[in-house]
């Protein structure tokens, strides 16, 4: 389970970003996250019960990272809700810097770059 958060990828979701007048911002993610190594394994040979049970035990870890309403759906998939409020000068990457599907990066000139990758 090492590097667990670095290998989560969004699947089906709704996401919203709100930028406030003072430069702080908030975002919300409501949807499914996939533990990518489990997805690969499931397609190749299927998940065994032991690994599936380990993945189910990761629910509290996701809760500690700020996710709410976390449910393990099986086959390496989690249903989650995440709401974050960020100060004006703090960049944010979702779900992680290593596997960023969207990012919010404040710039020195008071611009905020919101980017998404497919």
N, C-alpha and C. Protein backbone atom coordinates (compact mmCIF):
# COMPACT_ATOMS: atom_id res chain seq x y z
N UNK A 1 0.82 -1.20 0.00
CA UNK A 1 0.00 0.00 0.00
C UNK A 1 0.87 1.26 0.00
N UNK A 2 2.17 1.08 -0.20
CA UNK A 2 3.06 2.22 -0.28
C UNK A 2 2.70 3.08 -1.48
N UNK A 3 2.80 4.39 -1.35
CA UNK A 3 2.49 5.33 -2.42
C UNK A 3 1.02 5.25 -2.85
N UNK A 4 0.16 4.86 -1.95
CA UNK A 4 -1.25 4.67 -2.24
C UNK A 4 -1.88 5.90 -2.89
N UNK A 5 -1.70 7.07 -2.29
CA UNK A 5 -2.36 8.28 -2.79
C UNK A 5 -1.79 8.75 -4.13
N UNK A 6 -0.58 8.36 -4.43
CA UNK A 6 0.03 8.75 -5.70
C UNK A 6 -0.52 7.97 -6.88
N UNK A 7 -1.25 6.92 -6.61
CA UNK A 7 -1.74 6.07 -7.69
C UNK A 7 -3.27 6.02 -7.74
N UNK A 8 -3.92 7.03 -7.20
CA UNK A 8 -5.38 7.13 -7.31
C UNK A 8 -5.71 7.98 -8.53
N UNK A 9 -6.68 7.54 -9.29
CA UNK A 9 -7.10 8.27 -10.49
C UNK A 9 -8.62 8.42 -10.47
N UNK A 10 -9.12 9.59 -10.86
CA UNK A 10 -10.57 9.79 -10.94
C UNK A 10 -11.18 8.95 -12.06
N UNK A 11 -12.41 8.53 -11.85
CA UNK A 11 -13.12 7.77 -12.88
C UNK A 11 -14.37 8.54 -13.29
N UNK A 12 -15.44 8.45 -12.54
CA UNK A 12 -16.68 9.18 -12.82
C UNK A 12 -16.84 10.20 -11.71
N UNK A 13 -17.07 11.47 -12.08
CA UNK A 13 -17.09 12.48 -11.04
C UNK A 13 -17.73 13.78 -11.52
N UNK A 14 -18.06 14.61 -10.55
CA UNK A 14 -18.40 16.02 -10.74
C UNK A 14 -17.40 16.79 -9.91
N UNK A 15 -16.85 17.86 -10.49
CA UNK A 15 -15.90 18.69 -9.77
C UNK A 15 -16.24 20.15 -10.01
N UNK A 16 -16.06 20.96 -8.97
CA UNK A 16 -16.33 22.40 -9.07
C UNK A 16 -15.18 23.15 -8.41
N UNK A 17 -14.81 24.27 -9.01
CA UNK A 17 -13.79 25.16 -8.45
C UNK A 17 -14.41 26.53 -8.31
N UNK A 18 -14.21 27.16 -7.15
CA UNK A 18 -14.69 28.53 -6.93
C UNK A 18 -13.50 29.38 -6.49
N UNK A 19 -13.27 30.46 -7.22
CA UNK A 19 -12.20 31.39 -6.87
C UNK A 19 -12.87 32.63 -6.29
N UNK A 20 -12.41 33.06 -5.13
CA UNK A 20 -13.01 34.19 -4.42
C UNK A 20 -12.23 35.46 -4.71
N UNK A 21 -12.86 36.58 -4.48
CA UNK A 21 -12.28 37.89 -4.79
C UNK A 21 -10.94 38.16 -4.13
N UNK A 22 -10.70 37.58 -2.97
CA UNK A 22 -9.42 37.81 -2.28
C UNK A 22 -8.32 36.84 -2.74
N UNK A 23 -8.65 35.98 -3.73
CA UNK A 23 -7.65 35.07 -4.28
C UNK A 23 -7.67 33.68 -3.66
N UNK A 24 -8.35 33.50 -2.54
CA UNK A 24 -8.45 32.14 -2.00
C UNK A 24 -9.43 31.37 -2.88
N UNK A 25 -9.40 30.07 -2.79
CA UNK A 25 -10.26 29.27 -3.65
C UNK A 25 -10.69 28.00 -2.94
N UNK A 26 -11.70 27.37 -3.49
CA UNK A 26 -12.21 26.13 -2.94
C UNK A 26 -12.55 25.21 -4.10
N UNK A 27 -12.47 23.91 -3.85
CA UNK A 27 -12.94 22.97 -4.86
C UNK A 27 -13.61 21.78 -4.19
N UNK A 28 -14.46 21.15 -4.98
CA UNK A 28 -15.22 20.00 -4.51
C UNK A 28 -15.12 18.91 -5.57
N UNK A 29 -14.90 17.68 -5.11
CA UNK A 29 -14.86 16.51 -5.98
C UNK A 29 -15.85 15.51 -5.40
N UNK A 30 -16.74 15.02 -6.23
CA UNK A 30 -17.72 14.02 -5.81
C UNK A 30 -17.74 12.94 -6.87
N UNK A 31 -17.21 11.76 -6.54
CA UNK A 31 -17.17 10.71 -7.55
C UNK A 31 -16.38 9.50 -7.12
N UNK A 32 -15.83 8.84 -8.11
CA UNK A 32 -15.10 7.59 -7.90
C UNK A 32 -13.61 7.80 -8.12
N UNK A 33 -12.81 7.20 -7.25
CA UNK A 33 -11.36 7.13 -7.43
C UNK A 33 -10.97 5.67 -7.60
N UNK A 34 -10.00 5.43 -8.45
CA UNK A 34 -9.52 4.07 -8.70
C UNK A 34 -8.08 3.95 -8.23
N UNK A 35 -7.78 2.87 -7.54
CA UNK A 35 -6.39 2.54 -7.21
C UNK A 35 -5.84 1.86 -8.45
N UNK A 36 -5.04 2.57 -9.23
CA UNK A 36 -4.62 2.14 -10.56
C UNK A 36 -3.97 0.75 -10.58
N UNK A 37 -3.04 0.43 -9.68
CA UNK A 37 -2.47 -0.92 -9.73
C UNK A 37 -3.53 -2.02 -9.60
N UNK A 38 -4.57 -1.78 -8.81
CA UNK A 38 -5.64 -2.79 -8.68
C UNK A 38 -6.43 -2.90 -9.97
N UNK A 39 -6.64 -1.79 -10.64
CA UNK A 39 -7.37 -1.81 -11.91
C UNK A 39 -6.60 -2.64 -12.94
N UNK A 40 -5.30 -2.43 -13.01
CA UNK A 40 -4.46 -3.18 -13.95
C UNK A 40 -4.51 -4.68 -13.61
N UNK A 41 -4.36 -4.98 -12.34
CA UNK A 41 -4.40 -6.38 -11.91
C UNK A 41 -5.77 -7.01 -12.18
N UNK A 42 -6.84 -6.26 -11.94
CA UNK A 42 -8.20 -6.79 -12.17
C UNK A 42 -8.41 -7.13 -13.63
N UNK A 43 -7.88 -6.30 -14.53
CA UNK A 43 -8.02 -6.59 -15.96
C UNK A 43 -7.18 -7.80 -16.38
N UNK A 44 -6.02 -7.95 -15.78
CA UNK A 44 -5.12 -9.05 -16.18
C UNK A 44 -5.57 -10.39 -15.63
N UNK A 45 -5.74 -10.47 -14.32
CA UNK A 45 -6.02 -11.77 -13.71
C UNK A 45 -7.16 -11.73 -12.69
N UNK A 46 -7.66 -10.57 -12.40
CA UNK A 46 -8.70 -10.43 -11.37
C UNK A 46 -8.06 -10.17 -10.01
N UNK A 47 -8.82 -9.58 -9.12
CA UNK A 47 -8.32 -9.30 -7.77
C UNK A 47 -8.64 -10.49 -6.87
N UNK A 48 -7.66 -10.89 -6.08
CA UNK A 48 -7.95 -11.94 -5.12
C UNK A 48 -8.60 -11.33 -3.88
N UNK A 49 -9.23 -12.14 -3.09
CA UNK A 49 -9.98 -11.67 -1.92
C UNK A 49 -9.08 -10.97 -0.91
N UNK A 50 -7.85 -11.42 -0.79
CA UNK A 50 -6.91 -10.81 0.17
C UNK A 50 -6.59 -9.36 -0.22
N UNK A 51 -6.26 -9.13 -1.49
CA UNK A 51 -5.97 -7.78 -1.93
C UNK A 51 -7.21 -6.90 -1.85
N UNK A 52 -8.35 -7.43 -2.21
CA UNK A 52 -9.59 -6.66 -2.14
C UNK A 52 -9.86 -6.25 -0.69
N UNK A 53 -9.60 -7.14 0.27
CA UNK A 53 -9.79 -6.82 1.69
C UNK A 53 -8.81 -5.74 2.14
N UNK A 54 -7.57 -5.79 1.65
CA UNK A 54 -6.58 -4.75 1.97
C UNK A 54 -7.04 -3.40 1.45
N UNK A 55 -7.55 -3.38 0.24
CA UNK A 55 -8.02 -2.13 -0.35
C UNK A 55 -9.21 -1.58 0.43
N UNK A 56 -10.06 -2.43 0.93
CA UNK A 56 -11.20 -1.99 1.74
C UNK A 56 -10.71 -1.34 3.03
N UNK A 57 -9.59 -1.82 3.56
CA UNK A 57 -9.04 -1.26 4.80
C UNK A 57 -8.44 0.13 4.61
N UNK A 58 -8.29 0.58 3.37
CA UNK A 58 -7.73 1.90 3.09
C UNK A 58 -8.75 3.02 3.27
N UNK A 59 -10.01 2.67 3.50
CA UNK A 59 -11.05 3.69 3.67
C UNK A 59 -10.68 4.70 4.76
N UNK A 60 -10.23 4.27 5.95
CA UNK A 60 -9.85 5.26 6.97
C UNK A 60 -8.70 6.16 6.54
N UNK A 61 -7.77 5.62 5.74
CA UNK A 61 -6.66 6.45 5.25
C UNK A 61 -7.19 7.59 4.39
N UNK A 62 -8.15 7.28 3.54
CA UNK A 62 -8.75 8.33 2.71
C UNK A 62 -9.46 9.36 3.58
N UNK A 63 -10.09 8.90 4.63
CA UNK A 63 -10.73 9.82 5.57
C UNK A 63 -9.72 10.74 6.23
N UNK A 64 -8.55 10.22 6.57
CA UNK A 64 -7.50 11.03 7.18
C UNK A 64 -6.96 12.07 6.20
N UNK A 65 -7.08 11.82 4.92
CA UNK A 65 -6.61 12.76 3.90
C UNK A 65 -7.66 13.82 3.57
N UNK A 66 -8.80 13.78 4.26
CA UNK A 66 -9.81 14.81 4.07
C UNK A 66 -11.01 14.39 3.23
N UNK A 67 -11.01 13.17 2.73
CA UNK A 67 -12.16 12.69 1.96
C UNK A 67 -13.30 12.38 2.93
N UNK A 68 -14.53 12.66 2.49
CA UNK A 68 -15.72 12.34 3.28
C UNK A 68 -16.55 11.33 2.52
N UNK A 69 -17.48 10.73 3.22
CA UNK A 69 -18.40 9.77 2.60
C UNK A 69 -17.63 8.75 1.76
N UNK A 70 -16.59 8.17 2.33
CA UNK A 70 -15.75 7.22 1.61
C UNK A 70 -16.34 5.81 1.75
N UNK A 71 -16.53 5.17 0.60
CA UNK A 71 -17.03 3.79 0.57
C UNK A 71 -16.18 3.00 -0.41
N UNK A 72 -15.80 1.80 -0.01
CA UNK A 72 -15.08 0.93 -0.94
C UNK A 72 -16.11 0.20 -1.79
N UNK A 73 -15.99 0.31 -3.10
CA UNK A 73 -16.94 -0.28 -4.03
C UNK A 73 -16.48 -1.64 -4.56
N UNK A 74 -15.24 -2.00 -4.27
CA UNK A 74 -14.67 -3.24 -4.79
C UNK A 74 -13.86 -2.98 -6.04
N UNK A 75 -13.05 -3.94 -6.43
CA UNK A 75 -12.21 -3.86 -7.63
C UNK A 75 -11.33 -2.61 -7.65
N UNK A 76 -10.87 -2.15 -6.46
CA UNK A 76 -9.97 -1.00 -6.38
C UNK A 76 -10.65 0.34 -6.54
N UNK A 77 -11.96 0.41 -6.42
CA UNK A 77 -12.71 1.66 -6.61
C UNK A 77 -13.29 2.16 -5.28
N UNK A 78 -13.21 3.48 -5.12
CA UNK A 78 -13.74 4.14 -3.92
C UNK A 78 -14.70 5.25 -4.34
N UNK A 79 -15.80 5.35 -3.65
CA UNK A 79 -16.71 6.48 -3.82
C UNK A 79 -16.31 7.50 -2.75
N UNK A 80 -16.07 8.75 -3.17
CA UNK A 80 -15.57 9.76 -2.23
C UNK A 80 -16.18 11.12 -2.51
N UNK A 81 -16.11 11.97 -1.49
CA UNK A 81 -16.41 13.39 -1.61
C UNK A 81 -15.23 14.12 -0.97
N UNK A 82 -14.75 15.14 -1.64
CA UNK A 82 -13.66 15.95 -1.08
C UNK A 82 -14.01 17.42 -1.29
N UNK A 83 -13.90 18.20 -0.22
CA UNK A 83 -14.06 19.65 -0.31
C UNK A 83 -12.84 20.28 0.32
N UNK A 84 -12.18 21.15 -0.42
CA UNK A 84 -10.98 21.81 0.09
C UNK A 84 -11.11 23.32 -0.05
N UNK A 85 -10.66 24.02 0.96
CA UNK A 85 -10.54 25.48 0.92
C UNK A 85 -9.06 25.79 1.01
N UNK A 86 -8.56 26.62 0.10
CA UNK A 86 -7.13 26.88 0.02
C UNK A 86 -6.84 28.37 0.06
N UNK A 87 -5.75 28.76 0.71
CA UNK A 87 -5.37 30.18 0.70
C UNK A 87 -4.88 30.61 -0.67
N UNK A 88 -4.84 31.89 -0.89
CA UNK A 88 -4.54 32.45 -2.21
C UNK A 88 -3.18 32.06 -2.77
N UNK A 89 -2.21 31.76 -1.94
CA UNK A 89 -0.86 31.49 -2.44
C UNK A 89 -0.50 30.00 -2.44
N UNK A 90 -1.46 29.11 -2.17
CA UNK A 90 -1.16 27.68 -2.07
C UNK A 90 -1.62 26.94 -3.33
N UNK A 91 -0.69 26.27 -4.01
CA UNK A 91 -1.11 25.44 -5.15
C UNK A 91 -1.79 24.17 -4.66
N UNK A 92 -2.59 23.59 -5.51
CA UNK A 92 -3.27 22.34 -5.16
C UNK A 92 -3.30 21.44 -6.39
N UNK A 93 -3.12 20.15 -6.16
CA UNK A 93 -3.12 19.15 -7.23
C UNK A 93 -4.08 18.03 -6.83
N UNK A 94 -4.92 17.62 -7.75
CA UNK A 94 -5.88 16.57 -7.42
C UNK A 94 -5.79 15.43 -8.41
N UNK A 95 -5.76 14.18 -7.97
CA UNK A 95 -5.75 13.74 -6.59
C UNK A 95 -4.39 13.83 -5.91
N UNK A 96 -3.31 13.95 -6.68
CA UNK A 96 -1.97 14.12 -6.10
C UNK A 96 -1.08 14.86 -7.10
N UNK A 97 0.03 15.35 -6.63
CA UNK A 97 0.98 16.03 -7.52
C UNK A 97 1.49 15.07 -8.59
N UNK A 98 1.67 13.79 -8.22
CA UNK A 98 2.23 12.81 -9.15
C UNK A 98 1.24 12.39 -10.24
N UNK A 99 -0.05 12.40 -9.93
CA UNK A 99 -1.06 12.00 -10.91
C UNK A 99 -2.15 13.08 -10.93
N UNK A 100 -1.76 14.25 -11.33
CA UNK A 100 -2.66 15.40 -11.28
C UNK A 100 -3.64 15.39 -12.45
N UNK A 101 -4.92 15.32 -12.13
CA UNK A 101 -5.96 15.42 -13.14
C UNK A 101 -6.37 16.87 -13.29
N UNK A 102 -6.40 17.59 -12.17
CA UNK A 102 -6.53 19.03 -12.28
C UNK A 102 -5.67 19.69 -11.23
N UNK A 103 -5.24 20.89 -11.55
CA UNK A 103 -4.37 21.63 -10.64
C UNK A 103 -4.81 23.08 -10.61
N UNK A 104 -4.51 23.71 -9.49
CA UNK A 104 -4.80 25.12 -9.30
C UNK A 104 -3.50 25.73 -8.80
N UNK A 105 -2.96 26.66 -9.59
CA UNK A 105 -1.65 27.22 -9.26
C UNK A 105 -1.69 28.75 -9.28
N UNK A 106 -1.66 29.36 -8.09
CA UNK A 106 -1.56 30.82 -8.03
C UNK A 106 -0.20 31.26 -8.58
N UNK A 107 -0.22 32.38 -9.31
CA UNK A 107 1.00 32.92 -9.92
C UNK A 107 1.42 34.19 -9.16
N UNK A 108 2.64 34.63 -9.39
CA UNK A 108 3.15 35.82 -8.71
C UNK A 108 2.40 37.09 -9.10
N UNK A 109 1.82 37.12 -10.30
CA UNK A 109 1.13 38.32 -10.78
C UNK A 109 -0.37 38.30 -10.42
N UNK A 110 -0.73 37.56 -9.38
CA UNK A 110 -2.11 37.44 -8.89
C UNK A 110 -3.04 36.68 -9.82
N UNK A 111 -2.52 36.07 -10.86
CA UNK A 111 -3.36 35.19 -11.69
C UNK A 111 -3.42 33.83 -11.02
N UNK A 112 -4.48 33.10 -11.32
CA UNK A 112 -4.61 31.74 -10.85
C UNK A 112 -4.84 30.86 -12.07
N UNK A 113 -3.95 29.89 -12.26
CA UNK A 113 -4.05 28.98 -13.40
C UNK A 113 -4.77 27.71 -12.94
N UNK A 114 -5.89 27.42 -13.57
CA UNK A 114 -6.64 26.20 -13.30
C UNK A 114 -6.50 25.34 -14.55
N UNK A 115 -5.91 24.17 -14.39
CA UNK A 115 -5.64 23.31 -15.54
C UNK A 115 -6.18 21.91 -15.28
N UNK A 116 -6.61 21.26 -16.35
CA UNK A 116 -7.09 19.89 -16.26
C UNK A 116 -6.47 19.07 -17.37
N UNK A 117 -6.24 17.80 -17.08
CA UNK A 117 -5.73 16.91 -18.12
C UNK A 117 -6.71 15.76 -18.26
N UNK A 118 -6.81 15.21 -19.45
CA UNK A 118 -7.80 14.13 -19.65
C UNK A 118 -7.44 12.88 -18.88
